[in-house]
PDB file of N, CA and C in Angstrom:
ATOM      1  N   MET A   1      -4.039 -33.086  18.144  1.00  0.00           N
ATOM      2  CA  MET A   1      -2.974 -32.570  17.243  1.00  0.00           C
ATOM      3  C   MET A   1      -3.307 -31.082  17.024  1.00  0.00           C
ATOM      4  N   PRO A   2      -2.284 -30.311  17.048  1.00  0.00           N
ATOM      5  CA  PRO A   2      -2.596 -28.875  16.960  1.00  0.00           C
ATOM      6  C   PRO A   2      -2.983 -28.456  15.562  1.00  0.00           C
ATOM      7  N   LYS A   3      -3.798 -27.486  15.521  1.00  0.00           N
ATOM      8  CA  LYS A   3      -4.247 -26.990  14.194  1.00  0.00           C
ATOM      9  C   LYS A   3      -3.075 -26.221  13.549  1.00  0.00           C
ATOM     10  N   VAL A   4      -2.946 -26.399  12.176  1.00  0.00           N
ATOM     11  CA  VAL A   4      -1.880 -25.727  11.525  1.00  0.00           C
ATOM     12  C   VAL A   4      -2.562 -24.516  10.778  1.00  0.00           C
ATOM     13  N   TRP A   5      -2.190 -23.255  11.134  1.00  0.00           N
ATOM     14  CA  TRP A   5      -2.870 -22.164  10.552  1.00  0.00           C
ATOM     15  C   TRP A   5      -2.045 -21.674   9.321  1.00  0.00           C
ATOM     16  N   THR A   6      -2.873 -21.410   8.270  1.00  0.00           N
ATOM     17  CA  THR A   6      -2.262 -20.873   7.103  1.00  0.00           C
ATOM     18  C   THR A   6      -2.115 -19.438   7.257  1.00  0.00           C
ATOM     19  N   SER A   7      -1.292 -18.834   6.280  1.00  0.00           N
ATOM     20  CA  SER A   7      -1.148 -17.401   6.342  1.00  0.00           C
ATOM     21  C   SER A   7      -2.373 -16.672   6.062  1.00  0.00           C
ATOM     22  N   LYS A   8      -3.319 -17.256   5.187  1.00  0.00           N
ATOM     23  CA  LYS A   8      -4.712 -16.602   5.062  1.00  0.00           C
ATOM     24  C   LYS A   8      -5.414 -16.663   6.298  1.00  0.00           C
ATOM     25  N   ASP A   9      -5.400 -17.765   7.054  1.00  0.00           N
ATOM     26  CA  ASP A   9      -6.128 -17.896   8.257  1.00  0.00           C
ATOM     27  C   ASP A   9      -5.704 -16.787   9.253  1.00  0.00           C
ATOM     28  N   LYS A  10      -4.401 -16.748   9.388  1.00  0.00           N
ATOM     29  CA  LYS A  10      -3.738 -15.685  10.366  1.00  0.00           C
ATOM     30  C   LYS A  10      -4.149 -14.288   9.889  1.00  0.00           C
ATOM     31  N   LEU A  11      -4.088 -14.032   8.738  1.00  0.00           N
ATOM     32  CA  LEU A  11      -4.444 -12.690   8.231  1.00  0.00           C
ATOM     33  C   LEU A  11      -5.975 -12.374   8.549  1.00  0.00           C
ATOM     34  N   ARG A  12      -6.851 -13.294   8.339  1.00  0.00           N
ATOM     35  CA  ARG A  12      -8.179 -13.078   8.548  1.00  0.00           C
ATOM     36  C   ARG A  12      -8.414 -12.824  10.023  1.00  0.00           C
ATOM     37  N   ILE A  13      -7.773 -13.627  10.848  1.00  0.00           N
ATOM     38  CA  ILE A  13      -7.983 -13.497  12.335  1.00  0.00           C
ATOM     39  C   ILE A  13      -7.429 -12.179  12.857  1.00  0.00           C
ATOM     40  N   VAL A  14      -6.342 -11.822  12.312  1.00  0.00           N
ATOM     41  CA  VAL A  14      -5.657 -10.557  12.790  1.00  0.00           C
ATOM     42  C   VAL A  14      -6.375  -9.324  12.322  1.00  0.00           C
ATOM     43  N   LEU A  15      -6.971  -9.404  11.125  1.00  0.00           N
ATOM     44  CA  LEU A  15      -7.800  -8.385  10.617  1.00  0.00           C
ATOM     45  C   LEU A  15      -9.090  -8.135  11.395  1.00  0.00           C
ATOM     46  N   GLU A  16      -9.649  -9.270  11.854  1.00  0.00           N
ATOM     47  CA  GLU A  16     -10.882  -9.184  12.680  1.00  0.00           C
ATOM     48  C   GLU A  16     -10.555  -8.207  13.942  1.00  0.00           C
ATOM     49  N   GLY A  17      -9.367  -8.532  14.518  1.00  0.00           N
ATOM     50  CA  GLY A  17      -9.050  -7.654  15.772  1.00  0.00           C
ATOM     51  C   GLY A  17      -8.728  -6.273  15.379  1.00  0.00           C
ATOM     52  N   ILE A  18      -8.095  -5.930  14.121  1.00  0.00           N
ATOM     53  CA  ILE A  18      -7.847  -4.599  13.732  1.00  0.00           C
ATOM     54  C   ILE A  18      -9.235  -3.901  13.449  1.00  0.00           C
ATOM     55  N   LYS A  19     -10.134  -4.660  12.876  1.00  0.00           N
ATOM     56  CA  LYS A  19     -11.424  -3.924  12.611  1.00  0.00           C
ATOM     57  C   LYS A  19     -12.258  -3.773  13.953  1.00  0.00           C
ATOM     58  N   GLY A  20     -11.801  -4.253  15.081  1.00  0.00           N
ATOM     59  CA  GLY A  20     -12.484  -3.880  16.186  1.00  0.00           C
ATOM     60  C   GLY A  20     -13.078  -5.055  17.089  1.00  0.00           C
ATOM     61  N   LYS A  21     -13.048  -6.232  16.562  1.00  0.00           N
ATOM     62  CA  LYS A  21     -13.580  -7.325  17.430  1.00  0.00           C
ATOM     63  C   LYS A  21     -12.663  -7.531  18.594  1.00  0.00           C
ATOM     64  N   THR A  22     -13.017  -7.873  19.739  1.00  0.00           N
ATOM     65  CA  THR A  22     -12.260  -8.047  20.831  1.00  0.00           C
ATOM     66  C   THR A  22     -11.379  -9.309  20.746  1.00  0.00           C
ATOM     67  N   VAL A  23     -10.163  -9.119  21.329  1.00  0.00           N
ATOM     68  CA  VAL A  23      -9.171 -10.251  21.208  1.00  0.00           C
ATOM     69  C   VAL A  23      -9.667 -11.441  22.095  1.00  0.00           C
ATOM     70  N   PRO A  24     -10.339 -11.282  23.275  1.00  0.00           N
ATOM     71  CA  PRO A  24     -10.800 -12.455  23.868  1.00  0.00           C
ATOM     72  C   PRO A  24     -11.862 -13.085  22.991  1.00  0.00           C
ATOM     73  N   ASP A  25     -12.676 -12.410  22.406  1.00  0.00           N
ATOM     74  CA  ASP A  25     -13.721 -13.149  21.545  1.00  0.00           C
ATOM     75  C   ASP A  25     -13.045 -13.924  20.324  1.00  0.00           C
ATOM     76  N   ILE A  26     -12.199 -13.160  19.755  1.00  0.00           N
ATOM     77  CA  ILE A  26     -11.406 -13.810  18.626  1.00  0.00           C
ATOM     78  C   ILE A  26     -10.751 -15.096  19.008  1.00  0.00           C
ATOM     79  N   CYS A  27     -10.048 -15.083  20.168  1.00  0.00           N
ATOM     80  CA  CYS A  27      -9.336 -16.257  20.670  1.00  0.00           C
ATOM     81  C   CYS A  27     -10.257 -17.386  21.061  1.00  0.00           C
ATOM     82  N   ARG A  28     -11.276 -17.081  21.711  1.00  0.00           N
ATOM     83  CA  ARG A  28     -12.380 -18.027  22.170  1.00  0.00           C
ATOM     84  C   ARG A  28     -12.961 -18.705  20.769  1.00  0.00           C
ATOM     85  N   GLU A  29     -13.315 -17.928  19.776  1.00  0.00           N
ATOM     86  CA  GLU A  29     -13.847 -18.406  18.550  1.00  0.00           C
ATOM     87  C   GLU A  29     -12.919 -19.344  17.760  1.00  0.00           C
ATOM     88  N   TYR A  30     -11.627 -18.982  17.765  1.00  0.00           N
ATOM     89  CA  TYR A  30     -10.656 -19.880  16.948  1.00  0.00           C
ATOM     90  C   TYR A  30      -9.799 -20.773  17.843  1.00  0.00           C
ATOM     91  N   GLY A  31     -10.019 -20.775  19.146  1.00  0.00           N
ATOM     92  CA  GLY A  31      -9.376 -21.574  19.938  1.00  0.00           C
ATOM     93  C   GLY A  31      -7.833 -21.404  20.027  1.00  0.00           C
ATOM     94  N   ILE A  32      -7.449 -20.155  20.071  1.00  0.00           N
ATOM     95  CA  ILE A  32      -5.973 -19.677  20.201  1.00  0.00           C
ATOM     96  C   ILE A  32      -5.879 -18.946  21.574  1.00  0.00           C
ATOM     97  N   VAL A  33      -4.630 -18.819  21.906  1.00  0.00           N
ATOM     98  CA  VAL A  33      -4.336 -18.112  23.066  1.00  0.00           C
ATOM     99  C   VAL A  33      -4.020 -16.602  22.709  1.00  0.00           C
ATOM    100  N   GLN A  34      -4.219 -15.700  23.558  1.00  0.00           N
ATOM    101  CA  GLN A  34      -3.997 -14.321  23.288  1.00  0.00           C
ATOM    102  C   GLN A  34      -2.566 -13.869  22.764  1.00  0.00           C
ATOM    103  N   SER A  35      -1.586 -14.699  23.414  1.00  0.00           N
ATOM    104  CA  SER A  35      -0.268 -14.250  22.943  1.00  0.00           C
ATOM    105  C   SER A  35       0.106 -14.749  21.570  1.00  0.00           C
ATOM    106  N   MET A  36      -0.696 -15.785  21.016  1.00  0.00           N
ATOM    107  CA  MET A  36      -0.576 -16.145  19.673  1.00  0.00           C
ATOM    108  C   MET A  36      -1.157 -15.071  18.787  1.00  0.00           C
ATOM    109  N   TYR A  37      -2.308 -14.615  19.050  1.00  0.00           N
ATOM    110  CA  TYR A  37      -2.922 -13.588  18.390  1.00  0.00           C
ATOM    111  C   TYR A  37      -2.061 -12.284  18.299  1.00  0.00           C
ATOM    112  N   TYR A  38      -1.519 -11.865  19.410  1.00  0.00           N
ATOM    113  CA  TYR A  38      -0.597 -10.715  19.390  1.00  0.00           C
ATOM    114  C   TYR A  38       0.670 -10.892  18.643  1.00  0.00           C
ATOM    115  N   ARG A  39       1.190 -12.066  18.647  1.00  0.00           N
ATOM    116  CA  ARG A  39       2.308 -12.382  18.013  1.00  0.00           C
ATOM    117  C   ARG A  39       2.075 -12.403  16.335  1.00  0.00           C
ATOM    118  N   TRP A  40       0.917 -12.830  15.992  1.00  0.00           N
ATOM    119  CA  TRP A  40       0.495 -12.748  14.622  1.00  0.00           C
ATOM    120  C   TRP A  40       0.283 -11.210  14.224  1.00  0.00           C
ATOM    121  N   ARG A  41      -0.392 -10.578  15.125  1.00  0.00           N
ATOM    122  CA  ARG A  41      -0.547  -9.102  14.868  1.00  0.00           C
ATOM    123  C   ARG A  41       0.643  -8.327  14.706  1.00  0.00           C
ATOM    124  N   ASP A  42       1.573  -8.670  15.641  1.00  0.00           N
ATOM    125  CA  ASP A  42       2.911  -7.969  15.616  1.00  0.00           C
ATOM    126  C   ASP A  42       3.611  -8.164  14.227  1.00  0.00           C
ATOM    127  N   GLN A  43       3.589  -9.500  13.859  1.00  0.00           N
ATOM    128  CA  GLN A  43       4.282  -9.867  12.517  1.00  0.00           C
ATOM    129  C   GLN A  43       3.653  -9.113  11.383  1.00  0.00           C
ATOM    130  N   PHE A  44       2.176  -9.031  11.380  1.00  0.00           N
ATOM    131  CA  PHE A  44       1.502  -8.410  10.360  1.00  0.00           C
ATOM    132  C   PHE A  44       2.025  -6.892  10.416  1.00  0.00           C
ATOM    133  N   LEU A  45       1.912  -6.233  11.454  1.00  0.00           N
ATOM    134  CA  LEU A  45       2.344  -4.767  11.536  1.00  0.00           C
ATOM    135  C   LEU A  45       3.734  -4.525  11.135  1.00  0.00           C
ATOM    136  N   LYS A  46       4.666  -5.480  11.565  1.00  0.00           N
ATOM    137  CA  LYS A  46       6.099  -5.283  11.267  1.00  0.00           C
ATOM    138  C   LYS A  46       6.339  -5.460   9.797  1.00  0.00           C
ATOM    139  N   ASN A  47       5.522  -6.243   9.064  1.00  0.00           N
ATOM    140  CA  ASN A  47       5.754  -6.389   7.686  1.00  0.00           C
ATOM    141  C   ASN A  47       4.662  -5.673   6.800  1.00  0.00           C
ATOM    142  N   ALA A  48       3.920  -4.932   7.364  1.00  0.00           N
ATOM    143  CA  ALA A  48       2.852  -4.157   6.599  1.00  0.00           C
ATOM    144  C   ALA A  48       3.397  -3.262   5.399  1.00  0.00           C
ATOM    145  N   GLU A  49       4.701  -2.685   5.700  1.00  0.00           N
ATOM    146  CA  GLU A  49       5.172  -1.866   4.562  1.00  0.00           C
ATOM    147  C   GLU A  49       5.387  -2.678   3.290  1.00  0.00           C
ATOM    148  N   SER A  50       5.979  -3.890   3.539  1.00  0.00           N
ATOM    149  CA  SER A  50       6.259  -4.658   2.439  1.00  0.00           C
ATOM    150  C   SER A  50       5.077  -5.127   1.608  1.00  0.00           C
ATOM    151  N   ILE A  51       3.979  -5.014   2.126  1.00  0.00           N
ATOM    152  CA  ILE A  51       2.731  -5.348   1.238  1.00  0.00           C
ATOM    153  C   ILE A  51       2.717  -4.429   0.136  1.00  0.00           C
ATOM    154  N   PHE A  52       3.082  -3.200   0.285  1.00  0.00           N
ATOM    155  CA  PHE A  52       2.843  -2.210  -0.787  1.00  0.00           C
ATOM    156  C   PHE A  52       4.172  -2.033  -1.572  1.00  0.00           C
ATOM    157  N   SER A  53       5.307  -2.309  -1.122  1.00  0.00           N
ATOM    158  CA  SER A  53       6.552  -2.098  -1.736  1.00  0.00           C
ATOM    159  C   SER A  53       7.162  -3.405  -2.435  1.00  0.00           C
ATOM    160  N   ASP A  54       6.934  -4.570  -1.958  1.00  0.00           N
ATOM    161  CA  ASP A  54       7.487  -5.784  -2.579  1.00  0.00           C
ATOM    162  C   ASP A  54       7.099  -5.927  -4.029  1.00  0.00           C
ATOM    163  N   THR A  55       5.754  -5.697  -4.382  1.00  0.00           N
ATOM    164  CA  THR A  55       5.366  -5.806  -5.725  1.00  0.00           C
ATOM    165  C   THR A  55       6.156  -5.031  -6.672  1.00  0.00           C
ATOM    166  N   THR A  56       6.425  -3.769  -6.404  1.00  0.00           N
ATOM    167  CA  THR A  56       7.307  -2.992  -7.215  1.00  0.00           C
ATOM    168  C   THR A  56       8.708  -3.406  -7.276  1.00  0.00           C
ATOM    169  N   SER A  57       9.268  -3.692  -6.167  1.00  0.00           N
ATOM    170  CA  SER A  57      10.561  -4.064  -6.093  1.00  0.00           C
ATOM    171  C   SER A  57      10.922  -5.434  -6.828  1.00  0.00           C
ATOM    172  N   LYS A  58       9.900  -6.310  -6.762  1.00  0.00           N
ATOM    173  CA  LYS A  58      10.056  -7.709  -7.452  1.00  0.00           C
ATOM    174  C   LYS A  58      10.028  -7.338  -8.952  1.00  0.00           C
ATOM    175  N   LYS A  59       9.110  -6.423  -9.405  1.00  0.00           N
ATOM    176  CA  LYS A  59       9.130  -6.092 -10.834  1.00  0.00           C
ATOM    177  C   LYS A  59      10.323  -5.479 -11.350  1.00  0.00           C
ATOM    178  N   GLU A  60      10.785  -4.624 -10.481  1.00  0.00           N
ATOM    179  CA  GLU A  60      11.992  -3.844 -10.837  1.00  0.00           C
ATOM    180  C   GLU A  60      13.251  -4.834 -10.972  1.00  0.00           C
ATOM    181  N   THR A  61      13.244  -5.765  -9.932  1.00  0.00           N
ATOM    182  CA  THR A  61      14.322  -6.761  -9.998  1.00  0.00           C
ATOM    183  C   THR A  61      14.323  -7.626 -11.250  1.00  0.00           C
ATOM    184  N   LYS A  62      13.157  -8.043 -11.634  1.00  0.00           N
ATOM    185  CA  LYS A  62      12.971  -8.863 -12.789  1.00  0.00           C
ATOM    186  C   LYS A  62      13.291  -8.119 -14.043  1.00  0.00           C
ATOM    187  N   LEU A  63      12.803  -6.826 -14.133  1.00  0.00           N
ATOM    188  CA  LEU A  63      13.288  -5.985 -15.326  1.00  0.00           C
ATOM    189  C   LEU A  63      14.878  -5.698 -15.366  1.00  0.00           C
ATOM    190  N   GLU A  64      15.369  -5.524 -14.232  1.00  0.00           N
ATOM    191  CA  GLU A  64      16.838  -5.222 -14.244  1.00  0.00           C
ATOM    192  C   GLU A  64      17.544  -6.570 -14.728  1.00  0.00           C
ATOM    193  N   ARG A  65      17.095  -7.773 -14.245  1.00  0.00           N
ATOM    194  CA  ARG A  65      17.755  -8.920 -14.648  1.00  0.00           C
ATOM    195  C   ARG A  65      17.584  -9.190 -16.192  1.00  0.00           C
ATOM    196  N   GLU A  66      16.372  -8.906 -16.706  1.00  0.00           N
ATOM    197  CA  GLU A  66      16.108  -9.077 -18.181  1.00  0.00           C
ATOM    198  C   GLU A  66      17.095  -8.042 -18.850  1.00  0.00           C
ATOM    199  N   ASN A  67      17.091  -6.781 -18.373  1.00  0.00           N
ATOM    200  CA  ASN A  67      17.867  -5.773 -18.963  1.00  0.00           C
ATOM    201  C   ASN A  67      19.494  -6.260 -19.064  1.00  0.00           C
ATOM    202  N   ASN A  68      19.929  -6.756 -18.021  1.00  0.00           N
ATOM    203  CA  ASN A  68      21.246  -7.230 -17.968  1.00  0.00           C
ATOM    204  C   ASN A  68      21.520  -8.366 -18.971  1.00  0.00           C
ATOM    205  N   GLN A  69      20.582  -9.277 -19.042  1.00  0.00           N
ATOM    206  CA  GLN A  69      20.564 -10.335 -20.023  1.00  0.00           C
ATOM    207  C   GLN A  69      20.702  -9.781 -21.473  1.00  0.00           C
ATOM    208  N   LEU A  70      19.789  -8.842 -21.720  1.00  0.00           N
ATOM    209  CA  LEU A  70      19.812  -8.362 -23.063  1.00  0.00           C
ATOM    210  C   LEU A  70      21.159  -7.617 -23.452  1.00  0.00           C
ATOM    211  N   LYS A  71      21.591  -6.853 -22.355  1.00  0.00           N
ATOM    212  CA  LYS A  71      22.933  -6.123 -22.609  1.00  0.00           C
ATOM    213  C   LYS A  71      24.017  -7.167 -22.879  1.00  0.00           C
ATOM    214  N   GLN A  72      24.069  -8.325 -22.194  1.00  0.00           N
ATOM    215  CA  GLN A  72      24.960  -9.454 -22.524  1.00  0.00           C
ATOM    216  C   GLN A  72      24.847  -9.968 -23.885  1.00  0.00           C
ATOM    217  N   ILE A  73      23.681 -10.144 -24.301  1.00  0.00           N
ATOM    218  CA  ILE A  73      23.492 -10.642 -25.686  1.00  0.00           C
ATOM    219  C   ILE A  73      23.885  -9.740 -26.702  1.00  0.00           C
ATOM    220  N   ILE A  74      23.701  -8.459 -26.484  1.00  0.00           N
ATOM    221  CA  ILE A  74      24.206  -7.273 -27.485  1.00  0.00           C
ATOM    222  C   ILE A  74      25.637  -7.271 -27.467  1.00  0.00           C
ATOM    223  N   ALA A  75      26.288  -7.451 -26.255  1.00  0.00           N
ATOM    224  CA  ALA A  75      27.711  -7.349 -26.270  1.00  0.00           C
ATOM    225  C   ALA A  75      28.364  -8.601 -26.985  1.00  0.00           C
ATOM    226  N   GLU A  76      27.787  -9.691 -26.790  1.00  0.00           N
ATOM    227  CA  GLU A  76      28.282 -10.981 -27.504  1.00  0.00           C
ATOM    228  C   GLU A  76      28.126 -10.809 -28.981  1.00  0.00           C
ATOM    229  N   GLN A  77      26.967 -10.247 -29.376  1.00  0.00           N
ATOM    230  CA  GLN A  77      26.795 -10.121 -30.845  1.00  0.00           C
ATOM    231  C   GLN A  77      27.773  -8.983 -31.414  1.00  0.00           C
ATOM    232  N   ALA A  78      28.048  -7.946 -30.674  1.00  0.00           N
ATOM    233  CA  ALA A  78      28.929  -6.960 -31.124  1.00  0.00           C
ATOM    234  C   ALA A  78      30.332  -7.585 -31.329  1.00  0.00           C
ATOM    235  N   LEU A  79      30.701  -8.421 -30.440  1.00  0.00           N
ATOM    236  CA  LEU A  79      32.042  -9.149 -30.491  1.00  0.00           C
ATOM    237  C   LEU A  79      32.051 -10.120 -31.697  1.00  0.00           C
ATOM    238  N   GLU A  80      30.825 -10.803 -31.915  1.00  0.00           N
ATOM    239  CA  GLU A  80      30.757 -11.656 -33.184  1.00  0.00           C
ATOM    240  C   GLU A  80      31.015 -10.764 -34.466  1.00  0.00           C
ATOM    241  N   LEU A  81      30.346  -9.702 -34.473  1.00  0.00           N
ATOM    242  CA  LEU A  81      30.362  -8.763 -35.658  1.00  0.00           C
ATOM    243  C   LEU A  81      31.911  -8.260 -35.869  1.00  0.00           C
ATOM    244  N   LYS A  82      32.516  -7.949 -34.768  1.00  0.00           N
ATOM    245  CA  LYS A  82      33.942  -7.562 -34.924  1.00  0.00           C
ATOM    246  C   LYS A  82      34.795  -8.607 -35.464  1.00  0.00           C
ATOM    247  N   LYS A  83      34.555  -9.806 -35.009  1.00  0.00           N
ATOM    248  CA  LYS A  83      35.393 -10.971 -35.489  1.00  0.00           C
ATOM    249  C   LYS A  83      35.155 -11.150 -36.849  1.00  0.00           C
ATOM    250  N   MET A  84      34.020 -10.952 -37.460  1.00  0.00           N
ATOM    251  CA  MET A  84      33.601 -11.134 -38.818  1.00  0.00           C
ATOM    252  C   MET A  84      34.259 -10.059 -39.740  1.00  0.00           C
ATOM    253  N   LEU A  85      34.381  -8.987 -39.273  1.00  0.00           N
ATOM    254  CA  LEU A  85      35.008  -7.815 -40.010  1.00  0.00           C
ATOM    255  C   LEU A  85      36.373  -7.930 -40.008  1.00  0.00           C
TER     256      LEU A  85
END
């Protein structure tokens, strides 16, 4: 049965290569083929920018959603006040 690699496993393995350990040594140690290592490395490099930008954009998205909800509540309450007057 093939091993299921977690994202943490893949990251640890890729970082070993980035830090200078040879790919053949890494592959031998973990029992993976070089094409798998290079696929994981390429995925890591392709998505590296999101590591730094996702946190901010997720926070911004959440704040925008909360802001819109608050604006909706204020608008509804303003209409209620108008009806009462």
